[in-house]
């Protein structure tokens, strides 16, 4: 029996990333209804909006779903309270110290998973008492680890030190990618970019079309002095590179970034001045699909690839 399907009581060991501006209740419930684990992305939601999405998700699916919580969230205490009050059973935490909230969540019967980018932080998460870890490689979209470790090397390194279930993320969007991650030691996979380009994603259609029109090499990690972020190269990205020519201060970078840049790009569809966070694997996508189709395609390809491996040697 697969450790991830057992832990979350789901059909397939496929987790949908809780991406800001992409992961509302429509996407989370669609993924859960299709046999994966859907996550509501709390990082782009005011507390009352999160409560509404949780309540709507409970009406849209009878299957397990969870909430992704970046722990740098300014209203974190209110967010945790809402999650507990609404009876959410699964929480994925990221961008912070897992020991801060893990014990409180677990005391309330919540399964806790923490997202990391290195073996060091995976061990800290395990020591904090989390039930599983997501190890995310540098190929991933959005905010990345400073270590720049790719998924291919990160998964076996983390697996070597971990005794709890391991979920691989970063550059995974296909059945073959899922199988490769599991061969390396992962018990399941988390997909962000592929689900961002789904019908149920709450992202703007302009952003979804930018994702499927992107090609190999169209994303880059930048703003490492603030928080490394992988995004599609556009005017905003080019403005950052121009500023770098003048050896800018952190304050100058913050001024250029401004506020709500990610919302402007992904949610409002400004492809020129917006921050378009997406992973390298987006260069493989050709069309927007439903969450159900995405999961069906992944599982079908996984089974084919698994049978083909027998003939490699």
Protein backbone atom coordinates (compact mmCIF):
# COMPACT_ATOMS: atom_id res chain seq x y z
CA UNK A 1 0.00 0.00 0.00
CA UNK A 2 1.28 3.49 -0.89
CA UNK A 3 2.21 5.62 2.15
CA UNK A 4 0.71 8.81 0.73
CA UNK A 5 -2.64 7.33 -0.30
CA UNK A 6 -2.82 5.77 3.19
CA UNK A 7 -1.90 9.00 4.98
CA UNK A 8 -4.46 11.16 3.18
CA UNK A 9 -7.04 8.44 2.35
CA UNK A 10 -6.95 9.26 -1.36
CA UNK A 11 -6.88 7.12 -4.51
CA UNK A 12 -3.70 8.38 -6.19
CA UNK A 13 -0.48 9.74 -4.59
CA UNK A 14 -0.90 13.03 -6.48
CA UNK A 15 -1.04 16.34 -4.58
CA UNK A 16 -2.06 19.64 -6.15
CA UNK A 17 0.21 22.46 -5.04
CA UNK A 18 -1.47 25.19 -2.98
CA UNK A 19 -0.37 27.99 -5.31
CA UNK A 20 -1.24 31.62 -4.62
CA UNK A 21 -3.83 33.08 -7.03
CA UNK A 22 -4.33 29.67 -8.67
CA UNK A 23 -5.65 27.35 -5.98
CA UNK A 24 -9.18 28.23 -4.98
CA UNK A 25 -11.89 25.79 -3.91
CA UNK A 26 -12.85 24.95 -7.51
CA UNK A 27 -9.41 23.53 -8.29
CA UNK A 28 -8.95 21.86 -4.89
CA UNK A 29 -12.34 20.12 -5.03
CA UNK A 30 -11.85 19.05 -8.68
CA UNK A 31 -8.48 17.43 -7.88
CA UNK A 32 -9.90 15.69 -4.81
CA UNK A 33 -12.94 14.46 -6.73
CA UNK A 34 -10.58 13.01 -9.36
CA UNK A 35 -8.68 10.95 -6.77
CA UNK A 36 -5.81 13.24 -5.82
CA UNK A 37 -5.44 15.65 -2.90
CA UNK A 38 -6.57 19.19 -3.62
CA UNK A 39 -5.13 22.10 -1.64
CA UNK A 40 -6.58 25.56 -1.16
CA UNK A 41 -3.80 28.17 -1.37
CA UNK A 42 -4.24 30.41 1.68
CA UNK A 43 -1.25 32.59 0.78
CA UNK A 44 -3.32 34.89 -1.44
CA UNK A 45 -6.47 34.97 0.71
CA UNK A 46 -7.67 37.26 3.47
CA UNK A 47 -8.92 35.21 6.46
CA UNK A 48 -12.63 35.66 5.60
CA UNK A 49 -11.96 34.66 1.99
CA UNK A 50 -10.16 31.52 3.14
CA UNK A 51 -13.09 30.58 5.36
CA UNK A 52 -15.45 30.99 2.39
CA UNK A 53 -13.26 28.79 0.17
CA UNK A 54 -13.05 26.07 2.83
CA UNK A 55 -16.81 26.07 3.26
CA UNK A 56 -17.41 25.96 -0.51
CA UNK A 57 -14.85 23.16 -0.90
CA UNK A 58 -16.67 21.07 1.71
CA UNK A 59 -19.86 21.46 -0.35
CA UNK A 60 -18.07 20.66 -3.63
CA UNK A 61 -16.40 17.42 -2.52
CA UNK A 62 -16.83 14.67 0.02
CA UNK A 63 -13.20 13.62 -0.52
CA UNK A 64 -10.22 14.75 1.59
CA UNK A 65 -8.73 18.16 0.80
CA UNK A 66 -6.30 20.44 2.59
CA UNK A 67 -5.04 24.00 2.95
CA UNK A 68 -1.55 25.28 2.13
CA UNK A 69 -0.35 27.90 4.64
CA UNK A 70 2.79 30.01 4.12
CA UNK A 71 3.84 30.68 7.71
CA UNK A 72 5.11 34.17 6.92
CA UNK A 73 1.44 35.09 6.45
CA UNK A 74 0.72 38.31 8.45
CA UNK A 75 -2.60 36.96 9.82
CA UNK A 76 -1.21 33.50 10.60
CA UNK A 77 -2.91 33.12 14.01
CA UNK A 78 -6.31 33.98 12.53
CA UNK A 79 -5.70 31.62 9.60
CA UNK A 80 -4.84 28.72 11.93
CA UNK A 81 -7.94 29.44 14.03
CA UNK A 82 -10.17 29.36 10.94
CA UNK A 83 -8.62 26.09 9.75
CA UNK A 84 -9.29 24.48 13.14
CA UNK A 85 -12.80 25.93 13.43
CA UNK A 86 -13.75 24.73 9.94
CA UNK A 87 -12.55 21.19 10.65
CA UNK A 88 -9.85 21.05 7.97
CA UNK A 89 -8.05 17.72 8.33
CA UNK A 90 -4.88 18.32 6.27
CA UNK A 91 -2.51 21.32 6.31
CA UNK A 92 0.62 21.87 4.23
CA UNK A 93 2.91 24.51 5.75
CA UNK A 94 5.73 26.35 3.99
CA UNK A 95 8.03 29.37 4.23
CA UNK A 96 8.75 29.24 7.93
CA UNK A 97 9.68 27.17 10.97
CA UNK A 98 7.50 24.01 11.15
CA UNK A 99 7.92 23.73 14.92
CA UNK A 100 5.85 26.91 15.43
CA UNK A 101 2.44 25.46 14.55
CA UNK A 102 2.83 21.70 13.97
CA UNK A 103 2.05 20.62 17.55
CA UNK A 104 -1.02 22.87 17.78
CA UNK A 105 -2.37 21.57 14.46
CA UNK A 106 -1.74 17.96 15.42
CA UNK A 107 -3.41 18.46 18.80
CA UNK A 108 -6.51 19.33 16.80
CA UNK A 109 -6.36 16.10 14.78
CA UNK A 110 -4.81 17.68 11.68
CA UNK A 111 -2.31 15.87 9.45
CA UNK A 112 0.65 18.22 8.87
CA UNK A 113 3.04 18.29 5.90
CA UNK A 114 5.90 20.78 5.50
CA UNK A 115 7.51 21.96 2.24
CA UNK A 116 11.33 22.10 2.16
CA UNK A 117 14.12 22.66 -0.34
CA UNK A 118 16.98 20.84 1.43
CA UNK A 119 17.82 17.79 3.55
CA UNK A 120 18.66 20.07 6.50
CA UNK A 121 15.15 21.55 6.58
CA UNK A 122 13.57 18.14 5.91
CA UNK A 123 15.20 16.83 9.08
CA UNK A 124 14.05 19.89 11.05
CA UNK A 125 10.51 19.29 9.82
CA UNK A 126 10.69 15.64 10.84
CA UNK A 127 11.99 16.63 14.29
CA UNK A 128 9.08 19.09 14.58
CA UNK A 129 6.69 16.14 14.26
CA UNK A 130 5.22 16.62 10.79
CA UNK A 131 3.55 13.60 9.17
CA UNK A 132 5.27 13.98 5.77
CA UNK A 133 7.60 16.28 3.86
CA UNK A 134 7.42 17.83 0.39
CA UNK A 135 10.92 18.19 -1.06
CA UNK A 136 10.76 20.79 -3.83
CA UNK A 137 13.50 21.10 -6.42
CA UNK A 138 14.80 24.28 -8.07
CA UNK A 139 12.81 23.59 -11.26
CA UNK A 140 9.63 24.60 -9.44
CA UNK A 141 7.72 27.79 -10.13
CA UNK A 142 7.26 30.54 -7.57
CA UNK A 143 9.52 30.87 -4.54
CA UNK A 144 12.49 28.53 -4.44
CA UNK A 145 15.21 27.38 -2.08
CA UNK A 146 18.47 29.28 -2.00
CA UNK A 147 20.44 26.04 -2.29
CA UNK A 148 19.42 25.65 -5.98
CA UNK A 149 19.20 21.86 -5.58
CA UNK A 150 17.32 20.19 -8.42
CA UNK A 151 14.65 17.54 -7.89
CA UNK A 152 16.82 14.79 -9.39
CA UNK A 153 19.44 15.24 -6.66
CA UNK A 154 17.21 16.52 -3.84
CA UNK A 155 14.85 13.52 -3.59
CA UNK A 156 17.50 10.80 -2.97
CA UNK A 157 19.39 13.10 -0.61
CA UNK A 158 16.28 13.78 1.49
CA UNK A 159 15.17 10.14 1.32
CA UNK A 160 18.52 9.07 2.78
CA UNK A 161 17.79 10.97 6.02
CA UNK A 162 14.01 10.69 6.34
CA UNK A 163 11.84 8.07 8.04
CA UNK A 164 8.46 9.73 7.31
CA UNK A 165 6.73 9.77 3.89
CA UNK A 166 8.32 11.90 1.18
CA UNK A 167 6.52 13.84 -1.56
CA UNK A 168 8.53 15.09 -4.56
CA UNK A 169 7.85 18.45 -6.18
CA UNK A 170 9.49 20.62 -8.83
CA UNK A 171 9.50 19.78 -12.53
CA UNK A 172 6.88 17.02 -12.26
CA UNK A 173 3.80 17.16 -14.50
CA UNK A 174 3.58 13.79 -16.26
CA UNK A 175 3.24 10.11 -15.47
CA UNK A 176 6.85 9.52 -16.46
CA UNK A 177 7.97 12.33 -14.16
CA UNK A 178 5.91 10.83 -11.36
CA UNK A 179 7.46 7.39 -11.88
CA UNK A 180 10.97 8.86 -12.01
CA UNK A 181 10.42 10.67 -8.70
CA UNK A 182 9.11 7.52 -7.06
CA UNK A 183 12.03 5.45 -8.37
CA UNK A 184 14.31 8.03 -6.71
CA UNK A 185 12.57 7.43 -3.39
CA UNK A 186 9.45 9.61 -3.28
CA UNK A 187 6.18 8.11 -2.02
CA UNK A 188 4.08 10.59 -3.99
CA UNK A 189 4.28 13.77 -6.05
CA UNK A 190 3.06 17.35 -5.84
CA UNK A 191 2.22 19.23 -9.05
CA UNK A 192 1.83 22.98 -9.29
CA UNK A 193 2.40 24.27 -12.81
CA UNK A 194 0.30 21.63 -14.58
CA UNK A 195 -2.71 22.38 -12.38
CA UNK A 196 -2.19 26.15 -12.79
CA UNK A 197 -3.00 25.58 -16.47
CA UNK A 198 -6.31 23.85 -15.76
CA UNK A 199 -9.86 25.00 -16.35
CA UNK A 200 -10.56 25.00 -12.62
CA UNK A 201 -7.52 27.09 -11.69
CA UNK A 202 -8.49 30.52 -10.37
CA UNK A 203 -5.72 32.13 -12.43
CA UNK A 204 -6.59 34.60 -15.20
CA UNK A 205 -6.99 33.14 -18.70
CA UNK A 206 -4.17 35.40 -19.91
CA UNK A 207 -1.80 33.72 -17.44
CA UNK A 208 -3.04 30.22 -18.34
CA UNK A 209 -2.38 30.94 -22.03
CA UNK A 210 1.06 32.35 -21.18
CA UNK A 211 1.84 29.08 -19.39
CA UNK A 212 0.92 26.84 -22.33
CA UNK A 213 2.68 29.16 -24.80
CA UNK A 214 5.92 29.17 -22.81
CA UNK A 215 8.87 27.24 -24.19
CA UNK A 216 12.02 25.67 -22.79
CA UNK A 217 14.14 28.41 -21.23
CA UNK A 218 11.31 30.93 -20.86
CA UNK A 219 11.43 30.89 -17.03
CA UNK A 220 14.19 32.15 -14.78
CA UNK A 221 14.89 32.49 -11.07
CA UNK A 222 15.53 36.07 -9.95
CA UNK A 223 15.30 38.41 -6.92
CA UNK A 224 17.50 36.07 -4.87
CA UNK A 225 18.35 38.92 -2.47
CA UNK A 226 14.68 39.14 -1.44
CA UNK A 227 13.28 35.63 -1.96
CA UNK A 228 14.29 33.57 -5.02
CA UNK A 229 11.34 33.32 -7.42
CA UNK A 230 10.98 31.51 -10.76
CA UNK A 231 8.84 33.36 -13.27
CA UNK A 232 8.19 33.78 -16.99
CA UNK A 233 10.47 36.33 -18.65
CA UNK A 234 8.42 39.43 -19.49
CA UNK A 235 8.84 43.22 -19.22
CA UNK A 236 8.81 43.05 -15.41
CA UNK A 237 11.57 40.42 -15.49
CA UNK A 238 13.58 42.50 -17.99
CA UNK A 239 13.22 45.56 -15.75
CA UNK A 240 14.74 43.56 -12.89
CA UNK A 241 17.70 42.58 -15.07
CA UNK A 242 18.24 46.20 -16.10
CA UNK A 243 18.24 47.26 -12.46
CA UNK A 244 20.80 44.55 -11.62
CA UNK A 245 23.27 46.22 -14.03
CA UNK A 246 23.49 49.08 -11.51
CA UNK A 247 24.20 46.83 -8.51
CA UNK A 248 20.95 47.77 -6.74
CA UNK A 249 20.36 47.79 -3.01
CA UNK A 250 17.75 45.50 -1.47
CA UNK A 251 15.56 48.58 -0.94
CA UNK A 252 15.72 49.43 -4.67
CA UNK A 253 14.70 45.86 -5.55
CA UNK A 254 11.79 46.09 -3.10
CA UNK A 255 10.64 49.36 -4.69
CA UNK A 256 10.68 47.81 -8.17
CA UNK A 257 8.81 44.74 -6.94
CA UNK A 258 6.22 46.90 -5.22
CA UNK A 259 3.03 45.36 -3.85
CA UNK A 260 0.61 42.83 -5.34
CA UNK A 261 2.85 42.14 -8.34
CA UNK A 262 1.95 38.42 -8.33
CA UNK A 263 -1.78 39.18 -8.09
CA UNK A 264 -1.44 41.59 -10.99
CA UNK A 265 0.14 38.95 -13.20
CA UNK A 266 -1.51 35.65 -12.27
CA UNK A 267 -4.95 36.76 -11.06
CA UNK A 268 -5.55 39.95 -13.04
CA UNK A 269 -3.77 38.81 -16.21
CA UNK A 270 -1.23 41.61 -16.70
CA UNK A 271 1.40 39.80 -18.77
CA UNK A 272 3.60 42.91 -19.07
CA UNK A 273 4.01 44.27 -15.53
CA UNK A 274 2.82 41.23 -13.56
CA UNK A 275 4.88 38.55 -11.80
CA UNK A 276 4.13 35.33 -13.70
CA UNK A 277 5.27 32.53 -11.38
CA UNK A 278 5.54 29.13 -13.09
CA UNK A 279 7.93 26.18 -13.26
CA UNK A 280 10.36 25.04 -15.97
CA UNK A 281 8.13 22.10 -16.87
CA UNK A 282 5.55 24.51 -18.34
CA UNK A 283 7.53 24.35 -21.58
CA UNK A 284 6.07 20.86 -22.01
CA UNK A 285 2.40 21.89 -21.87
CA UNK A 286 0.36 22.25 -25.04
CA UNK A 287 -3.16 22.91 -23.78
CA UNK A 288 -5.38 23.79 -20.85
CA UNK A 289 -7.15 20.73 -19.43
CA UNK A 290 -9.53 19.87 -16.64
CA UNK A 291 -8.07 18.61 -13.36
CA UNK A 292 -9.74 15.27 -14.00
CA UNK A 293 -8.08 14.95 -17.45
CA UNK A 294 -4.69 15.89 -16.00
CA UNK A 295 -4.87 13.18 -13.34
CA UNK A 296 -6.18 10.60 -15.83
CA UNK A 297 -3.32 11.38 -18.24
CA UNK A 298 -0.71 11.15 -15.48
CA UNK A 299 -1.93 7.79 -14.18
CA UNK A 300 -2.27 6.36 -17.71
CA UNK A 301 1.26 7.42 -18.64
CA UNK A 302 2.60 6.21 -15.28
CA UNK A 303 1.25 2.71 -15.91
CA UNK A 304 2.67 2.61 -19.47
CA UNK A 305 6.08 3.86 -18.31
CA UNK A 306 6.13 1.36 -15.44
CA UNK A 307 5.60 -1.54 -17.85
CA UNK A 308 8.25 -0.20 -20.26
CA UNK A 309 10.90 -0.16 -17.52
CA UNK A 310 10.84 -3.96 -17.48
CA UNK A 311 12.38 -3.93 -20.97
CA UNK A 312 15.21 -1.47 -20.31
CA UNK A 313 17.75 -4.12 -19.33
